[in-house]
Amino acid sequence: MAGSGWASAGNFVKPFSDALTSLAKGTTETPVKSEFGYITSSCLEDSRPQRAGF
């Protein structure tokens, strides 16, 4: 098992980057196909700034 740690979604190939930005904390993405094969990811924590609800 490997982890990317804290990384910007823009550092990855587009299909994986798009999947990362749609993940919510505590969820696991279904496999995403990229030029490197299939990739899965889980969001254990979220370091993105939280938006205030108005």
C-alpha atoms as a PDB file:
ATOM      1  CA  MET A   1       0.000   0.000   0.000  1.00  0.00           C
ATOM      2  CA  ALA A   2       1.277   3.448  -0.849  1.00  0.00           C
ATOM      3  CA  GLY A   3       0.035   6.920  -0.080  1.00  0.00           C
ATOM      4  CA  SER A   4       0.514  10.231  -1.785  1.00  0.00           C
ATOM      5  CA  GLY A   5       0.271  12.138   1.493  1.00  0.00           C
ATOM      6  CA  TRP A   6      -0.729  15.798   1.182  1.00  0.00           C
ATOM      7  CA  ALA A   7      -0.591  16.640  -2.492  1.00  0.00           C
ATOM      8  CA  SER A   8      -2.396  19.011  -4.819  1.00  0.00           C
ATOM      9  CA  ALA A   9      -4.810  17.270  -7.151  1.00  0.00           C
ATOM     10  CA  GLY A  10      -3.213  19.129 -10.075  1.00  0.00           C
ATOM     11  CA  ASN A  11      -0.041  17.072  -9.587  1.00  0.00           C
ATOM     12  CA  PHE A  12      -1.702  13.962 -11.029  1.00  0.00           C
ATOM     13  CA  VAL A  13      -3.029  12.894 -14.433  1.00  0.00           C
ATOM     14  CA  LYS A  14      -6.398  14.523 -15.220  1.00  0.00           C
ATOM     15  CA  PRO A  15      -8.724  11.520 -14.638  1.00  0.00           C
ATOM     16  CA  PHE A  16      -7.209  10.900 -11.194  1.00  0.00           C
ATOM     17  CA  SER A  17      -7.026  14.606 -10.367  1.00  0.00           C
ATOM     18  CA  ASP A  18     -10.732  15.006 -11.184  1.00  0.00           C
ATOM     19  CA  ALA A  19     -11.598  12.026  -8.975  1.00  0.00           C
ATOM     20  CA  LEU A  20      -9.542  13.413  -6.081  1.00  0.00           C
ATOM     21  CA  THR A  21     -11.298  16.757  -6.078  1.00  0.00           C
ATOM     22  CA  SER A  22     -14.700  15.055  -5.895  1.00  0.00           C
ATOM     23  CA  LEU A  23     -13.875  12.886  -2.856  1.00  0.00           C
ATOM     24  CA  ALA A  24     -15.475  13.670   0.489  1.00  0.00           C
ATOM     25  CA  LYS A  25     -13.781  12.868   3.790  1.00  0.00           C
ATOM     26  CA  GLY A  26     -14.211   9.209   4.716  1.00  0.00           C
ATOM     27  CA  THR A  27     -15.040   8.019   1.194  1.00  0.00           C
ATOM     28  CA  THR A  28     -13.282   5.730  -1.284  1.00  0.00           C
ATOM     29  CA  GLU A  29     -13.345   6.365  -5.025  1.00  0.00           C
ATOM     30  CA  THR A  30     -14.191   3.608  -7.465  1.00  0.00           C
ATOM     31  CA  PRO A  31     -11.202   2.692  -9.685  1.00  0.00           C
ATOM     32  CA  VAL A  32     -10.304   5.437 -12.174  1.00  0.00           C
ATOM     33  CA  LYS A  33      -8.662   4.505 -15.470  1.00  0.00           C
ATOM     34  CA  SER A  34      -5.657   6.583 -16.547  1.00  0.00           C
ATOM     35  CA  GLU A  35      -2.757   6.142 -18.943  1.00  0.00           C
ATOM     36  CA  PHE A  36      -0.953   4.366 -16.072  1.00  0.00           C
ATOM     37  CA  GLY A  37      -3.704   1.833 -15.376  1.00  0.00           C
ATOM     38  CA  TYR A  38      -6.418   1.832 -12.741  1.00  0.00           C
ATOM     39  CA  ILE A  39      -6.048   3.941  -9.603  1.00  0.00           C
ATOM     40  CA  THR A  40      -8.173   4.022  -6.453  1.00  0.00           C
ATOM     41  CA  SER A  41      -8.059   6.546  -3.664  1.00  0.00           C
ATOM     42  CA  SER A  42      -9.537   7.205  -0.243  1.00  0.00           C
ATOM     43  CA  CYS A  43      -9.958  10.499   1.547  1.00  0.00           C
ATOM     44  CA  LEU A  44      -8.932  10.055   5.185  1.00  0.00           C
ATOM     45  CA  GLU A  45      -8.528  13.766   5.911  1.00  0.00           C
ATOM     46  CA  ASP A  46      -9.239  16.965   3.998  1.00  0.00           C
ATOM     47  CA  SER A  47      -6.845  19.920   4.199  1.00  0.00           C
ATOM     48  CA  ARG A  48      -8.852  22.132   1.838  1.00  0.00           C
ATOM     49  CA  PRO A  49     -10.199  25.314   3.425  1.00  0.00           C
ATOM     50  CA  GLN A  50     -13.818  24.962   4.493  1.00  0.00           C
ATOM     51  CA  ARG A  51     -16.326  27.350   2.924  1.00  0.00           C
ATOM     52  CA  ALA A  52     -18.612  29.264   5.225  1.00  0.00           C
ATOM     53  CA  GLY A  53     -22.286  28.549   4.642  1.00  0.00           C
ATOM     54  CA  PHE A  54     -24.479  31.615   4.181  1.00  0.00           C
END
